[in-house]
Amino acid sequence: MPRPERSRNPLVRKYLGASHKNLAGSRGLGELKPVEPTARQDGVPILGEDQVYVMKYGTEYHGAWCLVVAEAWDQAPRGLHVTLLADVGERNGCMGCDVILKQVSSALDQHVQPPLSPELPPSDALIPLKVIGVAHGILFLAAGQEHQERLNETAVEPATPLSVDGRRDGMVVRLDATRTEPLLVVQLDPRATVTDGPYQMHLRRPLQRSATKPYAVECVEPVPCP
């Protein structure tokens, strides 16, 4: 007696359909040859010279941290790889990345990026912050007006952490240095506990090769108790 055919769960059918579509779309693009990125920041791969991002089943390669790469890292980080530009095969270049890289190239041609000194002076590497509000899982921190010029030269790179006692309690998502008191916006982890005391921001040289500013936020943390 033949077994009755069992219908698949709709979610399973949707998953299998997407997998088959991805496999079909990736055929003929060339073998995926992952390499180690030049650096990692809290697990996020940072591109080096002649390196690009590719997705396991993607049909494009990405030379910058565009929206597509950011969403891939957020939703399926194991599917995001780094490879050499020479090994992209038949994959096409991402148009969004082209726009970003052209903007960077234009900024560099106009000498927007000031010359870099070997190291950050200690007084500039640490910026005091104060809490000005917490709402809907977002922490708002402000720096003094005297730091506005330095923070105008500072970028926020992907996965910049809020660290509390060595634990990652959130991610820095924005730095607005156009305000009289520069504003730092932090997306909190659901389990994070906010302290009312002072915070501080550490600066460093940027890791991204496409950086247009001489400084980047390394991390934010509560000021340690003396």
Protein backbone atom coordinates (compact mmCIF):
# COMPACT_ATOMS: atom_id res chain seq x y z
CA MET A 1 0.00 0.00 0.00
CA PRO A 2 1.59 3.31 -1.03
CA ARG A 3 2.32 5.87 1.66
CA PRO A 4 0.04 8.90 1.66
CA GLU A 5 1.89 12.00 0.43
CA ARG A 6 2.52 14.38 3.29
CA SER A 7 2.26 18.09 2.50
CA ARG A 8 5.19 20.25 3.61
CA ASN A 9 4.86 23.06 6.04
CA PRO A 10 4.50 26.40 4.14
CA LEU A 11 7.60 27.78 5.86
CA VAL A 12 9.60 24.72 4.78
CA ARG A 13 8.36 25.09 1.20
CA LYS A 14 9.32 28.76 1.21
CA TYR A 15 12.82 27.98 2.56
CA LEU A 16 13.45 25.21 0.04
CA GLY A 17 12.18 27.37 -2.80
CA ALA A 18 14.53 30.18 -1.86
CA SER A 19 17.46 27.77 -1.56
CA HIS A 20 16.82 26.30 -5.02
CA LYS A 21 16.51 29.78 -6.49
CA ASN A 22 19.81 30.87 -4.90
CA LEU A 23 21.59 27.75 -6.12
CA ALA A 24 20.30 28.25 -9.66
CA GLY A 25 21.30 31.92 -9.65
CA SER A 26 24.83 31.19 -8.43
CA ARG A 27 25.62 28.54 -11.06
CA GLY A 28 28.25 29.52 -13.57
CA LEU A 29 29.55 32.44 -11.48
CA GLY A 30 32.78 30.71 -10.58
CA GLU A 31 34.03 28.95 -7.46
CA LEU A 32 33.74 30.90 -4.22
CA LYS A 33 37.25 31.36 -2.77
CA PRO A 34 37.02 32.95 0.69
CA VAL A 35 40.12 34.57 2.23
CA GLU A 36 40.82 36.09 5.62
CA PRO A 37 39.97 39.81 5.83
CA THR A 38 42.72 42.28 6.65
CA ALA A 39 41.15 42.85 10.09
CA ARG A 40 38.03 42.20 12.18
CA GLN A 41 36.20 44.55 14.50
CA ASP A 42 34.01 42.62 16.94
CA GLY A 43 33.74 39.90 14.33
CA VAL A 44 32.92 42.23 11.43
CA PRO A 45 35.33 41.63 8.50
CA ILE A 46 37.23 44.72 7.32
CA LEU A 47 38.40 44.72 3.70
CA GLY A 48 42.05 45.03 2.74
CA GLU A 49 43.71 45.88 -0.54
CA ASP A 50 42.06 44.10 -3.52
CA GLN A 51 39.48 42.42 -1.26
CA VAL A 52 35.68 42.47 -1.70
CA TYR A 53 32.61 41.06 0.02
CA VAL A 54 30.60 38.24 -1.58
CA MET A 55 27.55 36.28 -0.45
CA LYS A 56 27.44 32.50 -0.64
CA TYR A 57 24.62 32.53 -3.20
CA GLY A 58 24.97 36.12 -4.37
CA THR A 59 25.47 37.21 -7.96
CA GLU A 60 27.35 40.43 -7.09
CA TYR A 61 30.56 41.42 -5.31
CA HIS A 62 30.80 44.41 -2.99
CA GLY A 63 33.77 46.72 -2.55
CA ALA A 64 32.26 48.69 0.33
CA TRP A 65 29.99 48.24 3.37
CA CYS A 66 26.80 49.04 1.45
CA LEU A 67 23.21 48.44 2.55
CA VAL A 68 23.16 44.97 0.96
CA VAL A 69 26.28 43.90 2.89
CA ALA A 70 24.96 45.37 6.13
CA GLU A 71 21.67 43.48 5.79
CA ALA A 72 23.50 40.24 4.93
CA TRP A 73 25.67 40.59 8.03
CA ASP A 74 22.62 41.31 10.18
CA GLN A 75 20.49 38.44 8.85
CA ALA A 76 22.98 35.72 7.84
CA PRO A 77 26.56 36.58 8.84
CA ARG A 78 27.87 33.10 7.98
CA GLY A 79 26.86 33.67 4.38
CA LEU A 80 29.01 36.80 4.03
CA HIS A 81 32.56 36.12 2.85
CA VAL A 82 35.65 38.06 1.82
CA THR A 83 37.45 37.16 -1.38
CA LEU A 84 40.02 38.68 -3.71
CA LEU A 85 38.79 40.94 -6.49
CA ALA A 86 40.62 38.66 -8.94
CA ASP A 87 38.48 35.69 -7.78
CA VAL A 88 34.98 37.13 -8.20
CA GLY A 89 34.41 35.07 -11.36
CA GLU A 90 31.34 36.14 -13.34
CA ARG A 91 29.80 38.09 -10.45
CA ASN A 92 28.86 41.68 -11.22
CA GLY A 93 29.98 44.69 -9.22
CA CYS A 94 27.39 46.22 -6.86
CA MET A 95 26.15 49.59 -8.17
CA GLY A 96 25.55 50.84 -4.62
CA CYS A 97 29.18 50.16 -3.74
CA ASP A 98 30.30 51.97 -6.90
CA VAL A 99 28.47 55.10 -5.73
CA ILE A 100 30.08 54.90 -2.27
CA LEU A 101 33.59 54.36 -3.66
CA LYS A 102 33.21 57.21 -6.16
CA GLN A 103 32.18 59.53 -3.33
CA VAL A 104 35.21 58.45 -1.33
CA SER A 105 37.51 58.94 -4.32
CA SER A 106 36.08 62.40 -4.96
CA ALA A 107 36.55 63.39 -1.32
CA LEU A 108 40.17 62.23 -1.37
CA ASP A 109 40.81 64.14 -4.61
CA GLN A 110 39.59 67.28 -2.89
CA HIS A 111 41.95 66.66 0.05
CA VAL A 112 39.09 66.26 2.51
CA GLN A 113 41.13 63.78 4.54
CA PRO A 114 43.80 65.62 6.55
CA PRO A 115 47.26 64.07 6.94
CA LEU A 116 47.47 61.41 9.64
CA SER A 117 49.91 61.57 12.50
CA PRO A 118 51.42 58.27 13.72
CA GLU A 119 49.35 58.15 16.92
CA LEU A 120 46.46 59.89 18.60
CA PRO A 121 47.52 62.19 21.46
CA PRO A 122 46.16 60.79 24.76
CA SER A 123 43.97 63.86 25.38
CA ASP A 124 42.26 63.41 21.98
CA ALA A 125 41.87 59.64 22.22
CA LEU A 126 39.33 59.85 25.08
CA ILE A 127 36.16 61.98 24.91
CA PRO A 128 33.98 62.42 28.05
CA LEU A 129 30.23 61.84 27.55
CA LYS A 130 27.09 62.41 29.59
CA VAL A 131 23.68 60.73 29.41
CA ILE A 132 20.96 63.04 28.08
CA GLY A 133 18.21 60.50 27.55
CA VAL A 134 17.08 56.89 27.08
CA ALA A 135 14.03 55.92 25.03
CA HIS A 136 12.82 52.76 23.24
CA GLY A 137 16.14 50.97 23.62
CA ILE A 138 18.17 53.97 22.41
CA LEU A 139 20.79 55.66 24.59
CA PHE A 140 21.62 59.31 23.84
CA LEU A 141 25.02 60.60 24.95
CA ALA A 142 26.45 64.10 24.52
CA ALA A 143 30.01 65.42 24.39
CA GLY A 144 31.16 68.89 25.37
CA GLN A 145 31.30 71.70 22.82
CA GLU A 146 35.09 71.77 23.12
CA HIS A 147 35.21 68.35 21.39
CA GLN A 148 33.07 69.34 18.39
CA GLU A 149 36.00 69.98 16.05
CA ARG A 150 37.60 66.60 16.78
CA LEU A 151 34.29 64.73 16.46
CA ASN A 152 33.63 66.40 13.09
CA GLU A 153 36.69 64.40 11.97
CA THR A 154 35.41 61.15 13.52
CA ALA A 155 33.41 58.36 11.86
CA VAL A 156 31.37 55.44 13.24
CA GLU A 157 32.38 52.12 11.63
CA PRO A 158 30.22 48.96 11.60
CA ALA A 159 29.76 47.08 14.90
CA THR A 160 31.27 49.78 17.14
CA PRO A 161 30.41 48.51 20.64
CA LEU A 162 29.09 49.90 23.89
CA SER A 163 31.17 47.90 26.38
CA VAL A 164 30.21 47.41 30.01
CA ASP A 165 32.55 45.32 32.21
CA GLY A 166 33.93 43.61 29.11
CA ARG A 167 30.42 42.76 27.89
CA ARG A 168 28.90 44.14 24.71
CA ASP A 169 25.71 45.97 25.78
CA GLY A 170 24.92 47.82 22.57
CA MET A 171 26.14 49.25 19.29
CA VAL A 172 26.97 52.83 18.32
CA VAL A 173 24.81 53.70 15.30
CA ARG A 174 25.30 57.43 14.81
CA LEU A 175 27.49 60.41 15.67
CA ASP A 176 26.06 63.87 15.02
CA ALA A 177 28.85 66.42 15.44
CA THR A 178 26.90 69.30 13.82
CA ARG A 179 25.19 70.06 17.13
CA THR A 180 26.66 72.47 19.68
CA GLU A 181 26.96 69.47 21.98
CA PRO A 182 27.85 66.52 19.66
CA LEU A 183 25.35 63.67 20.02
CA LEU A 184 26.15 59.95 20.09
CA VAL A 185 23.29 57.47 19.48
CA VAL A 186 23.61 53.92 20.86
CA GLN A 187 21.27 50.99 20.12
CA LEU A 188 21.06 49.06 23.40
CA ASP A 189 21.00 45.30 23.78
CA PRO A 190 17.62 44.20 25.24
CA ARG A 191 19.41 42.92 28.36
CA ALA A 192 21.50 46.06 28.88
CA THR A 193 21.25 48.15 32.03
CA VAL A 194 21.93 51.88 31.66
CA THR A 195 23.86 53.72 34.35
CA ASP A 196 23.28 57.41 35.05
CA GLY A 197 26.97 58.09 35.57
CA PRO A 198 29.45 59.51 33.05
CA TYR A 199 30.55 57.64 29.93
CA GLN A 200 33.59 58.00 27.71
CA MET A 201 34.39 57.42 24.05
CA HIS A 202 37.70 55.99 22.81
CA LEU A 203 39.00 57.09 19.41
CA ARG A 204 41.42 55.33 17.04
CA ARG A 205 42.50 55.35 13.43
CA PRO A 206 39.85 53.97 11.02
CA LEU A 207 40.06 50.34 9.91
CA GLN A 208 38.09 50.74 6.68
CA ARG A 209 40.19 51.47 3.61
CA SER A 210 37.38 53.69 2.28
CA ALA A 211 37.52 56.00 5.32
CA THR A 212 37.26 59.72 4.58
CA LYS A 213 37.88 60.88 8.16
CA PRO A 214 41.11 60.53 10.14
CA TYR A 215 39.47 59.15 13.30
CA ALA A 216 36.89 56.50 14.20
CA VAL A 217 35.06 55.54 17.40
CA GLU A 218 36.71 52.48 18.94
CA CYS A 219 34.18 51.93 21.72
CA VAL A 220 31.97 53.64 24.30
CA GLU A 221 31.96 52.63 27.96
CA PRO A 222 30.95 53.89 31.41
CA VAL A 223 33.77 55.72 33.16
CA PRO A 224 35.45 53.14 35.47
CA CYS A 225 35.05 53.70 39.18
CA PRO A 226 38.27 54.97 40.80
